[in-house]
Amino acid sequence: MTNDSSSVRRVIRGIDAISEFTGRCISWLTLAMVLVTFYIVVMRYLFNEGNIAVQESVIYMHACVFLIGAAYTLRHDGHVRVDIFYRPMGERGKAWVNLFGNLFLLMPVMIFFFWISWDYVALAWSIKETSQEAGGIPYRYVLKGTLLLMPVLVILQGIGELLRDLLVIAGKTHLVDEKEAVL
């Protein structure tokens, strides 16, 4: 049984590593947003110049931070939770709450989100949708593709969380130990 739990731990670490990598990479977009916004303000108010594509890029980066960063936030337990009952629970109680929340809330919502976005994104890719603004970013369809990437990454991290919770319930590990195992 120890071999089984070590295999599960490797899977969990692999999933966590993917979320960690995507989250850390995408976090650099927050710095880019600040710099690009500063550039926009300087160009507009000092030089009376504007650039639609540059302005749209801030919106694109903002969307990517939220959509692609969602799995990273899940991995670090950063999503909203009602803590009044959860916080005083023991480790196994928390694992049970996480497990049920994962199975009956997270997974169905992410599957629905993927399903409902599919046609919308497929149409955008099929016509290579561009900005509606003259001089805007010609790759709007790529941005819309993140609507499918987000639920895939969150479902993947949700599987990692589910496996971690099962190990905790079985008494094979602790929530904190597994969360810190990647780095």
N, C-alpha and C. Protein backbone atom coordinates (compact mmCIF):
# COMPACT_ATOMS: atom_id res chain seq x y z
N MET A 1 0.82 -1.20 0.00
CA MET A 1 0.00 0.00 0.00
C MET A 1 0.86 1.26 0.00
N THR A 2 2.05 1.18 0.58
CA THR A 2 2.95 2.32 0.60
C THR A 2 3.36 2.69 -0.82
N ASN A 3 3.57 1.68 -1.67
CA ASN A 3 3.95 1.93 -3.05
C ASN A 3 2.83 2.67 -3.79
N ASP A 4 1.57 2.28 -3.52
CA ASP A 4 0.44 2.96 -4.14
C ASP A 4 0.38 4.42 -3.73
N SER A 5 0.55 4.69 -2.43
CA SER A 5 0.47 6.08 -1.97
C SER A 5 1.65 6.89 -2.48
N SER A 6 2.80 6.27 -2.67
CA SER A 6 3.94 7.04 -3.22
C SER A 6 3.71 7.35 -4.70
N SER A 7 3.04 6.46 -5.41
CA SER A 7 2.69 6.74 -6.81
C SER A 7 1.68 7.87 -6.89
N VAL A 8 0.70 7.85 -5.99
CA VAL A 8 -0.30 8.91 -5.95
C VAL A 8 0.38 10.23 -5.60
N ARG A 9 1.31 10.19 -4.67
CA ARG A 9 2.05 11.41 -4.30
C ARG A 9 2.82 11.98 -5.49
N ARG A 10 3.40 11.11 -6.30
CA ARG A 10 4.12 11.58 -7.50
C ARG A 10 3.17 12.25 -8.48
N VAL A 11 1.98 11.67 -8.64
CA VAL A 11 0.98 12.28 -9.52
C VAL A 11 0.58 13.65 -8.97
N ILE A 12 0.33 13.72 -7.67
CA ILE A 12 -0.04 14.99 -7.04
C ILE A 12 1.07 16.02 -7.24
N ARG A 13 2.31 15.63 -7.01
CA ARG A 13 3.43 16.56 -7.19
C ARG A 13 3.55 17.02 -8.64
N GLY A 14 3.29 16.13 -9.58
CA GLY A 14 3.33 16.50 -10.99
C GLY A 14 2.25 17.52 -11.34
N ILE A 15 1.04 17.27 -10.86
CA ILE A 15 -0.07 18.21 -11.10
C ILE A 15 0.22 19.55 -10.42
N ASP A 16 0.69 19.50 -9.18
CA ASP A 16 1.04 20.73 -8.48
C ASP A 16 2.13 21.50 -9.22
N ALA A 17 3.08 20.78 -9.79
CA ALA A 17 4.17 21.44 -10.53
C ALA A 17 3.64 22.18 -11.76
N ILE A 18 2.66 21.59 -12.44
CA ILE A 18 2.06 22.26 -13.60
C ILE A 18 1.37 23.55 -13.16
N SER A 19 0.58 23.47 -12.10
CA SER A 19 -0.13 24.66 -11.60
C SER A 19 0.86 25.70 -11.10
N GLU A 20 1.89 25.25 -10.45
CA GLU A 20 2.92 26.16 -9.94
C GLU A 20 3.62 26.88 -11.09
N PHE A 21 3.97 26.12 -12.12
CA PHE A 21 4.66 26.69 -13.28
C PHE A 21 3.78 27.71 -14.00
N THR A 22 2.54 27.32 -14.30
CA THR A 22 1.65 28.25 -15.02
C THR A 22 1.36 29.48 -14.17
N GLY A 23 1.16 29.29 -12.88
CA GLY A 23 0.87 30.43 -12.00
C GLY A 23 2.02 31.39 -11.89
N ARG A 24 3.22 30.86 -11.75
CA ARG A 24 4.39 31.74 -11.62
C ARG A 24 4.69 32.45 -12.94
N CYS A 25 4.51 31.75 -14.05
CA CYS A 25 4.72 32.39 -15.35
C CYS A 25 3.70 33.50 -15.59
N ILE A 26 2.45 33.20 -15.34
CA ILE A 26 1.39 34.16 -15.62
C ILE A 26 1.44 35.34 -14.65
N SER A 27 2.03 35.15 -13.47
CA SER A 27 2.10 36.25 -12.50
C SER A 27 2.94 37.41 -13.03
N TRP A 28 3.85 37.12 -13.94
CA TRP A 28 4.66 38.20 -14.53
C TRP A 28 3.81 39.16 -15.35
N LEU A 29 2.64 38.71 -15.77
CA LEU A 29 1.76 39.61 -16.52
C LEU A 29 1.26 40.76 -15.65
N THR A 30 1.22 40.59 -14.34
CA THR A 30 0.78 41.69 -13.49
C THR A 30 1.80 42.84 -13.56
N LEU A 31 3.06 42.50 -13.56
CA LEU A 31 4.10 43.54 -13.73
C LEU A 31 3.99 44.16 -15.12
N ALA A 32 3.80 43.34 -16.13
CA ALA A 32 3.66 43.85 -17.50
C ALA A 32 2.46 44.79 -17.60
N MET A 33 1.35 44.44 -16.93
CA MET A 33 0.16 45.31 -16.96
C MET A 33 0.47 46.68 -16.38
N VAL A 34 1.19 46.70 -15.27
CA VAL A 34 1.55 47.97 -14.64
C VAL A 34 2.42 48.81 -15.58
N LEU A 35 3.42 48.17 -16.17
CA LEU A 35 4.33 48.89 -17.07
C LEU A 35 3.61 49.39 -18.33
N VAL A 36 2.77 48.55 -18.91
CA VAL A 36 2.04 48.95 -20.11
C VAL A 36 1.03 50.05 -19.78
N THR A 37 0.38 49.95 -18.65
CA THR A 37 -0.57 51.00 -18.24
C THR A 37 0.17 52.32 -18.03
N PHE A 38 1.33 52.27 -17.41
CA PHE A 38 2.15 53.47 -17.25
C PHE A 38 2.51 54.07 -18.61
N TYR A 39 2.90 53.21 -19.54
CA TYR A 39 3.23 53.66 -20.90
C TYR A 39 2.02 54.33 -21.56
N ILE A 40 0.85 53.72 -21.42
CA ILE A 40 -0.37 54.27 -22.01
C ILE A 40 -0.66 55.67 -21.45
N VAL A 41 -0.56 55.81 -20.13
CA VAL A 41 -0.84 57.09 -19.49
C VAL A 41 0.16 58.15 -19.95
N VAL A 42 1.44 57.80 -19.98
CA VAL A 42 2.47 58.75 -20.41
C VAL A 42 2.21 59.18 -21.86
N MET A 43 1.97 58.21 -22.72
CA MET A 43 1.75 58.54 -24.14
C MET A 43 0.49 59.39 -24.33
N ARG A 44 -0.56 59.08 -23.59
CA ARG A 44 -1.81 59.81 -23.77
C ARG A 44 -1.73 61.23 -23.22
N TYR A 45 -1.20 61.39 -22.01
CA TYR A 45 -1.28 62.70 -21.37
C TYR A 45 -0.05 63.58 -21.63
N LEU A 46 1.08 62.99 -21.95
CA LEU A 46 2.24 63.82 -22.26
C LEU A 46 2.41 64.06 -23.76
N PHE A 47 2.07 63.06 -24.57
CA PHE A 47 2.31 63.17 -26.01
C PHE A 47 1.02 63.17 -26.84
N ASN A 48 -0.13 63.07 -26.15
CA ASN A 48 -1.42 63.06 -26.83
C ASN A 48 -1.51 61.98 -27.91
N GLU A 49 -0.95 60.84 -27.62
CA GLU A 49 -0.93 59.70 -28.54
C GLU A 49 -1.66 58.52 -27.89
N GLY A 50 -2.31 57.73 -28.70
CA GLY A 50 -2.98 56.54 -28.20
C GLY A 50 -2.75 55.37 -29.13
N ASN A 51 -2.87 54.18 -28.61
CA ASN A 51 -2.69 52.97 -29.40
C ASN A 51 -3.69 51.93 -28.90
N ILE A 52 -4.67 51.62 -29.72
CA ILE A 52 -5.74 50.70 -29.35
C ILE A 52 -5.18 49.32 -28.98
N ALA A 53 -4.25 48.81 -29.77
CA ALA A 53 -3.70 47.47 -29.51
C ALA A 53 -2.99 47.42 -28.16
N VAL A 54 -2.26 48.46 -27.82
CA VAL A 54 -1.58 48.49 -26.53
C VAL A 54 -2.60 48.54 -25.39
N GLN A 55 -3.65 49.34 -25.57
CA GLN A 55 -4.70 49.40 -24.55
C GLN A 55 -5.41 48.05 -24.41
N GLU A 56 -5.69 47.40 -25.52
CA GLU A 56 -6.33 46.08 -25.46
C GLU A 56 -5.41 45.05 -24.80
N SER A 57 -4.12 45.21 -24.97
CA SER A 57 -3.19 44.23 -24.39
C SER A 57 -3.32 44.17 -22.87
N VAL A 58 -3.64 45.29 -22.24
CA VAL A 58 -3.83 45.29 -20.79
C VAL A 58 -5.05 44.44 -20.43
N ILE A 59 -6.11 44.56 -21.20
CA ILE A 59 -7.32 43.76 -20.97
C ILE A 59 -7.00 42.28 -21.18
N TYR A 60 -6.25 41.96 -22.21
CA TYR A 60 -5.88 40.58 -22.50
C TYR A 60 -5.03 40.00 -21.36
N MET A 61 -4.04 40.78 -20.92
CA MET A 61 -3.19 40.30 -19.82
C MET A 61 -4.00 40.09 -18.55
N HIS A 62 -4.90 41.02 -18.26
CA HIS A 62 -5.74 40.91 -17.07
C HIS A 62 -6.58 39.64 -17.12
N ALA A 63 -7.19 39.38 -18.26
CA ALA A 63 -7.99 38.16 -18.42
C ALA A 63 -7.14 36.91 -18.24
N CYS A 64 -5.95 36.91 -18.80
CA CYS A 64 -5.06 35.74 -18.68
C CYS A 64 -4.64 35.50 -17.23
N VAL A 65 -4.37 36.57 -16.50
CA VAL A 65 -3.99 36.40 -15.09
C VAL A 65 -5.08 35.68 -14.32
N PHE A 66 -6.32 36.10 -14.54
CA PHE A 66 -7.42 35.48 -13.81
C PHE A 66 -7.73 34.08 -14.31
N LEU A 67 -7.77 33.90 -15.61
CA LEU A 67 -8.16 32.60 -16.15
C LEU A 67 -7.08 31.54 -15.96
N ILE A 68 -5.87 31.86 -16.34
CA ILE A 68 -4.79 30.87 -16.26
C ILE A 68 -4.28 30.72 -14.83
N GLY A 69 -4.43 31.78 -14.02
CA GLY A 69 -3.98 31.73 -12.63
C GLY A 69 -4.95 31.04 -11.68
N ALA A 70 -6.12 30.63 -12.15
CA ALA A 70 -7.12 30.03 -11.26
C ALA A 70 -6.64 28.72 -10.65
N ALA A 71 -5.96 27.89 -11.42
CA ALA A 71 -5.47 26.60 -10.88
C ALA A 71 -4.38 26.83 -9.83
N TYR A 72 -3.53 27.81 -10.06
CA TYR A 72 -2.48 28.17 -9.10
C TYR A 72 -3.13 28.63 -7.79
N THR A 73 -4.19 29.42 -7.91
CA THR A 73 -4.91 29.90 -6.72
C THR A 73 -5.54 28.73 -5.98
N LEU A 74 -6.10 27.77 -6.70
CA LEU A 74 -6.66 26.57 -6.08
C LEU A 74 -5.57 25.78 -5.37
N ARG A 75 -4.45 25.64 -6.01
CA ARG A 75 -3.33 24.89 -5.41
C ARG A 75 -2.89 25.50 -4.09
N HIS A 76 -2.95 26.83 -3.99
CA HIS A 76 -2.52 27.54 -2.78
C HIS A 76 -3.69 27.88 -1.86
N ASP A 77 -4.84 27.24 -2.10
CA ASP A 77 -6.01 27.38 -1.23
C ASP A 77 -6.45 28.84 -1.12
N GLY A 78 -6.41 29.56 -2.23
CA GLY A 78 -6.70 30.98 -2.21
C GLY A 78 -8.10 31.36 -2.65
N HIS A 79 -8.94 30.40 -2.98
CA HIS A 79 -10.30 30.73 -3.40
C HIS A 79 -11.19 30.95 -2.18
N VAL A 80 -12.31 31.58 -2.40
CA VAL A 80 -13.23 31.93 -1.33
C VAL A 80 -13.82 30.67 -0.70
N ARG A 81 -13.88 30.69 0.61
CA ARG A 81 -14.46 29.57 1.36
C ARG A 81 -15.13 30.15 2.61
N VAL A 82 -16.19 29.54 3.07
CA VAL A 82 -16.83 29.95 4.31
C VAL A 82 -16.05 29.30 5.45
N ASP A 83 -15.25 30.11 6.11
CA ASP A 83 -14.32 29.57 7.12
C ASP A 83 -14.92 29.38 8.50
N ILE A 84 -16.13 29.84 8.73
CA ILE A 84 -16.69 29.77 10.08
C ILE A 84 -16.78 28.32 10.58
N PHE A 85 -17.05 27.37 9.69
CA PHE A 85 -17.11 25.97 10.08
C PHE A 85 -15.82 25.24 9.71
N TYR A 86 -15.21 25.64 8.62
CA TYR A 86 -14.05 24.93 8.09
C TYR A 86 -12.81 25.10 8.98
N ARG A 87 -12.55 26.31 9.41
CA ARG A 87 -11.31 26.60 10.14
C ARG A 87 -11.12 25.76 11.40
N PRO A 88 -12.14 25.59 12.25
CA PRO A 88 -11.91 24.81 13.47
C PRO A 88 -11.88 23.29 13.26
N MET A 89 -12.16 22.83 12.06
CA MET A 89 -12.18 21.39 11.80
C MET A 89 -10.78 20.79 11.88
N GLY A 90 -10.76 19.51 12.17
CA GLY A 90 -9.50 18.77 12.11
C GLY A 90 -9.10 18.52 10.67
N GLU A 91 -7.93 17.96 10.50
CA GLU A 91 -7.39 17.74 9.15
C GLU A 91 -8.27 16.82 8.30
N ARG A 92 -8.74 15.74 8.88
CA ARG A 92 -9.60 14.82 8.11
C ARG A 92 -10.96 15.46 7.80
N GLY A 93 -11.49 16.23 8.71
CA GLY A 93 -12.74 16.94 8.45
C GLY A 93 -12.58 17.91 7.30
N LYS A 94 -11.48 18.64 7.29
CA LYS A 94 -11.19 19.56 6.19
C LYS A 94 -11.05 18.80 4.87
N ALA A 95 -10.39 17.65 4.93
CA ALA A 95 -10.22 16.84 3.72
C ALA A 95 -11.57 16.38 3.18
N TRP A 96 -12.49 15.99 4.08
CA TRP A 96 -13.83 15.57 3.64
C TRP A 96 -14.58 16.74 3.00
N VAL A 97 -14.50 17.91 3.61
CA VAL A 97 -15.17 19.10 3.05
C VAL A 97 -14.58 19.41 1.68
N ASN A 98 -13.25 19.38 1.59
CA ASN A 98 -12.58 19.63 0.31
C ASN A 98 -13.01 18.62 -0.75
N LEU A 99 -13.07 17.36 -0.35
CA LEU A 99 -13.44 16.29 -1.27
C LEU A 99 -14.85 16.50 -1.83
N PHE A 100 -15.81 16.76 -0.94
CA PHE A 100 -17.18 16.98 -1.40
C PHE A 100 -17.31 18.26 -2.22
N GLY A 101 -16.63 19.31 -1.80
CA GLY A 101 -16.65 20.55 -2.57
C GLY A 101 -16.06 20.36 -3.95
N ASN A 102 -15.01 19.58 -4.00
CA ASN A 102 -14.35 19.29 -5.28
C ASN A 102 -15.27 18.49 -6.20
N LEU A 103 -15.85 17.42 -5.67
CA LEU A 103 -16.68 16.54 -6.49
C LEU A 103 -18.01 17.16 -6.89
N PHE A 104 -18.63 17.92 -5.98
CA PHE A 104 -19.99 18.39 -6.23
C PHE A 104 -20.10 19.87 -6.60
N LEU A 105 -19.01 20.61 -6.48
CA LEU A 105 -19.03 22.01 -6.89
C LEU A 105 -17.98 22.30 -7.96
N LEU A 106 -16.73 22.12 -7.61
CA LEU A 106 -15.64 22.49 -8.52
C LEU A 106 -15.71 21.74 -9.85
N MET A 107 -15.72 20.44 -9.81
CA MET A 107 -15.70 19.66 -11.05
C MET A 107 -16.93 19.91 -11.93
N PRO A 108 -18.16 19.86 -11.38
CA PRO A 108 -19.31 20.13 -12.25
C PRO A 108 -19.29 21.54 -12.85
N VAL A 109 -18.88 22.53 -12.07
CA VAL A 109 -18.85 23.90 -12.59
C VAL A 109 -17.80 24.03 -13.69
N MET A 110 -16.63 23.44 -13.49
CA MET A 110 -15.57 23.54 -14.50
C MET A 110 -15.94 22.76 -15.77
N ILE A 111 -16.58 21.62 -15.61
CA ILE A 111 -17.03 20.85 -16.79
C ILE A 111 -18.09 21.65 -17.55
N PHE A 112 -19.02 22.25 -16.80
CA PHE A 112 -20.05 23.08 -17.44
C PHE A 112 -19.41 24.28 -18.13
N PHE A 113 -18.46 24.93 -17.48
CA PHE A 113 -17.77 26.10 -18.05
C PHE A 113 -17.08 25.72 -19.36
N PHE A 114 -16.40 24.58 -19.37
CA PHE A 114 -15.73 24.11 -20.58
C PHE A 114 -16.77 23.84 -21.68
N TRP A 115 -17.81 23.12 -21.32
CA TRP A 115 -18.84 22.74 -22.28
C TRP A 115 -19.53 23.96 -22.88
N ILE A 116 -19.89 24.93 -22.04
CA ILE A 116 -20.62 26.10 -22.50
C ILE A 116 -19.71 27.04 -23.32
N SER A 117 -18.42 26.98 -23.10
CA SER A 117 -17.47 27.84 -23.82
C SER A 117 -17.02 27.24 -25.15
N TRP A 118 -17.17 25.95 -25.32
CA TRP A 118 -16.62 25.26 -26.48
C TRP A 118 -17.03 25.89 -27.81
N ASP A 119 -18.32 26.03 -28.07
CA ASP A 119 -18.79 26.58 -29.35
C ASP A 119 -18.33 28.02 -29.55
N TYR A 120 -18.37 28.80 -28.49
CA TYR A 120 -17.96 30.19 -28.53
C TYR A 120 -16.48 30.31 -28.94
N VAL A 121 -15.64 29.49 -28.33
CA VAL A 121 -14.21 29.51 -28.64
C VAL A 121 -13.95 28.90 -30.01
N ALA A 122 -14.64 27.81 -30.34
CA ALA A 122 -14.45 27.16 -31.64
C ALA A 122 -14.80 28.11 -32.78
N LEU A 123 -15.87 28.87 -32.62
CA LEU A 123 -16.25 29.84 -33.65
C LEU A 123 -15.17 30.91 -33.79
N ALA A 124 -14.69 31.41 -32.67
CA ALA A 124 -13.65 32.44 -32.71
C ALA A 124 -12.40 31.93 -33.43
N TRP A 125 -12.02 30.68 -33.16
CA TRP A 125 -10.84 30.10 -33.81
C TRP A 125 -11.11 29.83 -35.29
N SER A 126 -12.32 29.39 -35.62
CA SER A 126 -12.61 29.05 -37.02
C SER A 126 -12.58 30.28 -37.92
N ILE A 127 -12.96 31.43 -37.39
CA ILE A 127 -12.94 32.65 -38.21
C ILE A 127 -11.72 33.51 -37.91
N LYS A 128 -10.84 33.01 -37.04
CA LYS A 128 -9.65 33.78 -36.62
C LYS A 128 -10.07 35.18 -36.19
N GLU A 129 -10.97 35.21 -35.21
CA GLU A 129 -11.58 36.46 -34.75
C GLU A 129 -10.52 37.49 -34.34
N THR A 130 -10.77 38.72 -34.76
CA THR A 130 -9.87 39.83 -34.43
C THR A 130 -10.63 40.86 -33.61
N SER A 131 -9.92 41.87 -33.20
CA SER A 131 -10.54 42.95 -32.44
C SER A 131 -11.58 43.67 -33.28
N GLN A 132 -12.60 44.16 -32.64
CA GLN A 132 -13.62 44.95 -33.33
C GLN A 132 -13.15 46.38 -33.55
N GLU A 133 -12.09 46.76 -32.87
CA GLU A 133 -11.56 48.11 -32.98
C GLU A 133 -10.52 48.18 -34.10
N ALA A 134 -10.57 49.27 -34.86
CA ALA A 134 -9.54 49.48 -35.88
C ALA A 134 -8.20 49.66 -35.17
N GLY A 135 -7.21 48.90 -35.59
CA GLY A 135 -5.89 48.97 -34.95
C GLY A 135 -5.78 48.14 -33.70
N GLY A 136 -6.80 47.31 -33.42
CA GLY A 136 -6.77 46.46 -32.23
C GLY A 136 -5.95 45.20 -32.46
N ILE A 137 -5.87 44.38 -31.46
CA ILE A 137 -5.09 43.14 -31.53
C ILE A 137 -5.81 42.16 -32.46
N PRO A 138 -5.09 41.62 -33.44
CA PRO A 138 -5.74 40.73 -34.42
C PRO A 138 -5.89 39.28 -33.93
N TYR A 139 -5.58 38.99 -32.69
CA TYR A 139 -5.60 37.60 -32.20
C TYR A 139 -6.60 37.42 -31.06
N ARG A 140 -7.78 37.94 -31.19
CA ARG A 140 -8.79 37.81 -30.14
C ARG A 140 -9.12 36.34 -29.90
N TYR A 141 -9.06 35.53 -30.92
CA TYR A 141 -9.38 34.11 -30.78
C TYR A 141 -8.42 33.40 -29.83
N VAL A 142 -7.17 33.85 -29.77
CA VAL A 142 -6.21 33.24 -28.84
C VAL A 142 -6.64 33.53 -27.41
N LEU A 143 -7.05 34.77 -27.15
CA LEU A 143 -7.54 35.12 -25.82
C LEU A 143 -8.74 34.26 -25.45
N LYS A 144 -9.66 34.09 -26.40
CA LYS A 144 -10.84 33.28 -26.12
C LYS A 144 -10.48 31.83 -25.85
N GLY A 145 -9.38 31.37 -26.39
CA GLY A 145 -8.90 30.01 -26.11
C GLY A 145 -8.61 29.78 -24.64
N THR A 146 -8.27 30.85 -23.92
CA THR A 146 -8.01 30.69 -22.49
C THR A 146 -9.28 30.33 -21.72
N LEU A 147 -10.45 30.55 -22.35
CA LEU A 147 -11.70 30.13 -21.71
C LEU A 147 -11.80 28.61 -21.63
N LEU A 148 -11.09 27.92 -22.48
CA LEU A 148 -11.03 26.45 -22.40
C LEU A 148 -9.83 25.99 -21.58
N LEU A 149 -8.75 26.74 -21.65
CA LEU A 149 -7.55 26.38 -20.89
C LEU A 149 -7.81 26.45 -19.39
N MET A 150 -8.54 27.46 -18.95
CA MET A 150 -8.80 27.62 -17.52
C MET A 150 -9.49 26.41 -16.91
N PRO A 151 -10.62 25.95 -17.43
CA PRO A 151 -11.24 24.79 -16.78
C PRO A 151 -10.38 23.53 -16.86
N VAL A 152 -9.61 23.37 -17.93
CA VAL A 152 -8.71 22.21 -18.02
C VAL A 152 -7.68 22.25 -16.90
N LEU A 153 -7.05 23.41 -16.70
CA LEU A 153 -6.05 23.54 -15.64
C LEU A 153 -6.67 23.39 -14.26
N VAL A 154 -7.85 23.94 -14.06
CA VAL A 154 -8.51 23.84 -12.75
C VAL A 154 -8.97 22.41 -12.49
N ILE A 155 -9.49 21.73 -13.49
CA ILE A 155 -9.88 20.32 -13.32
C ILE A 155 -8.65 19.48 -12.99
N LEU A 156 -7.55 19.73 -13.68
CA LEU A 156 -6.32 18.99 -13.40
C LEU A 156 -5.88 19.22 -11.96
N GLN A 157 -5.86 20.47 -11.53
CA GLN A 157 -5.49 20.76 -10.13
C GLN A 157 -6.52 20.18 -9.18
N GLY A 158 -7.79 20.19 -9.57
CA GLY A 158 -8.84 19.60 -8.74
C GLY A 158 -8.62 18.11 -8.53
N ILE A 159 -8.13 17.43 -9.57
CA ILE A 159 -7.79 16.00 -9.44
C ILE A 159 -6.66 15.83 -8.43
N GLY A 160 -5.67 16.71 -8.51
CA GLY A 160 -4.58 16.66 -7.53
C GLY A 160 -5.09 16.88 -6.12
N GLU A 161 -5.99 17.84 -5.95
CA GLU A 161 -6.56 18.12 -4.63
C GLU A 161 -7.39 16.94 -4.14
N LEU A 162 -8.15 16.34 -5.04
CA LEU A 162 -8.96 15.17 -4.70
C LEU A 162 -8.08 14.02 -4.21
N LEU A 163 -7.01 13.76 -4.93
CA LEU A 163 -6.09 12.69 -4.53
C LEU A 163 -5.43 12.99 -3.18
N ARG A 164 -5.04 14.25 -2.99
CA ARG A 164 -4.44 14.66 -1.72
C ARG A 164 -5.42 14.45 -0.58
N ASP A 165 -6.69 14.85 -0.79
CA ASP A 165 -7.70 14.69 0.25
C ASP A 165 -7.94 13.22 0.57
N LEU A 166 -7.93 12.36 -0.45
CA LEU A 166 -8.10 10.92 -0.21
C LEU A 166 -6.95 10.36 0.62
N LEU A 167 -5.73 10.83 0.34
CA LEU A 167 -4.58 10.38 1.15
C LEU A 167 -4.72 10.85 2.59
N VAL A 168 -5.18 12.05 2.81
CA VAL A 168 -5.36 12.58 4.17
C VAL A 168 -6.44 11.77 4.89
N ILE A 169 -7.55 11.51 4.20
CA ILE A 169 -8.64 10.73 4.81
C ILE A 169 -8.16 9.33 5.17
N ALA A 170 -7.31 8.76 4.33
CA ALA A 170 -6.77 7.42 4.60
C ALA A 170 -5.66 7.44 5.65
N GLY A 171 -5.26 8.63 6.10
CA GLY A 171 -4.21 8.73 7.11
C GLY A 171 -2.81 8.55 6.55
N LYS A 172 -2.64 8.72 5.25
CA LYS A 172 -1.34 8.49 4.60
C LYS A 172 -0.47 9.75 4.54
N THR A 173 -1.07 10.92 4.74
CA THR A 173 -0.31 12.17 4.66
C THR A 173 -1.06 13.26 5.40
N HIS A 174 -0.49 14.45 5.39
CA HIS A 174 -1.11 15.63 6.00
C HIS A 174 -1.31 16.68 4.93
N LEU A 175 -2.35 17.50 5.07
CA LEU A 175 -2.65 18.53 4.08
C LEU A 175 -1.46 19.46 3.85
N VAL A 176 -0.87 19.93 4.93
CA VAL A 176 0.23 20.89 4.81
C VAL A 176 1.46 20.24 4.17
N ASP A 177 1.79 19.00 4.54
CA ASP A 177 2.95 18.33 3.99
C ASP A 177 2.86 18.22 2.48
N GLU A 178 1.71 17.80 1.98
CA GLU A 178 1.54 17.62 0.54
C GLU A 178 1.52 18.94 -0.21
N LYS A 179 0.99 20.00 0.41
CA LYS A 179 0.95 21.31 -0.25
C LYS A 179 2.35 21.87 -0.43
N GLU A 180 3.23 21.59 0.51
CA GLU A 180 4.58 22.14 0.45
C GLU A 180 5.57 21.23 -0.28
N ALA A 181 5.13 20.08 -0.72
CA ALA A 181 6.04 19.09 -1.30
C ALA A 181 6.64 19.49 -2.65
N VAL A 182 5.95 20.35 -3.40
CA VAL A 182 6.44 20.70 -4.75
C VAL A 182 7.72 21.50 -4.68
N LEU A 183 7.72 22.53 -3.87
CA LEU A 183 8.90 23.40 -3.82
C LEU A 183 9.52 23.27 -2.48
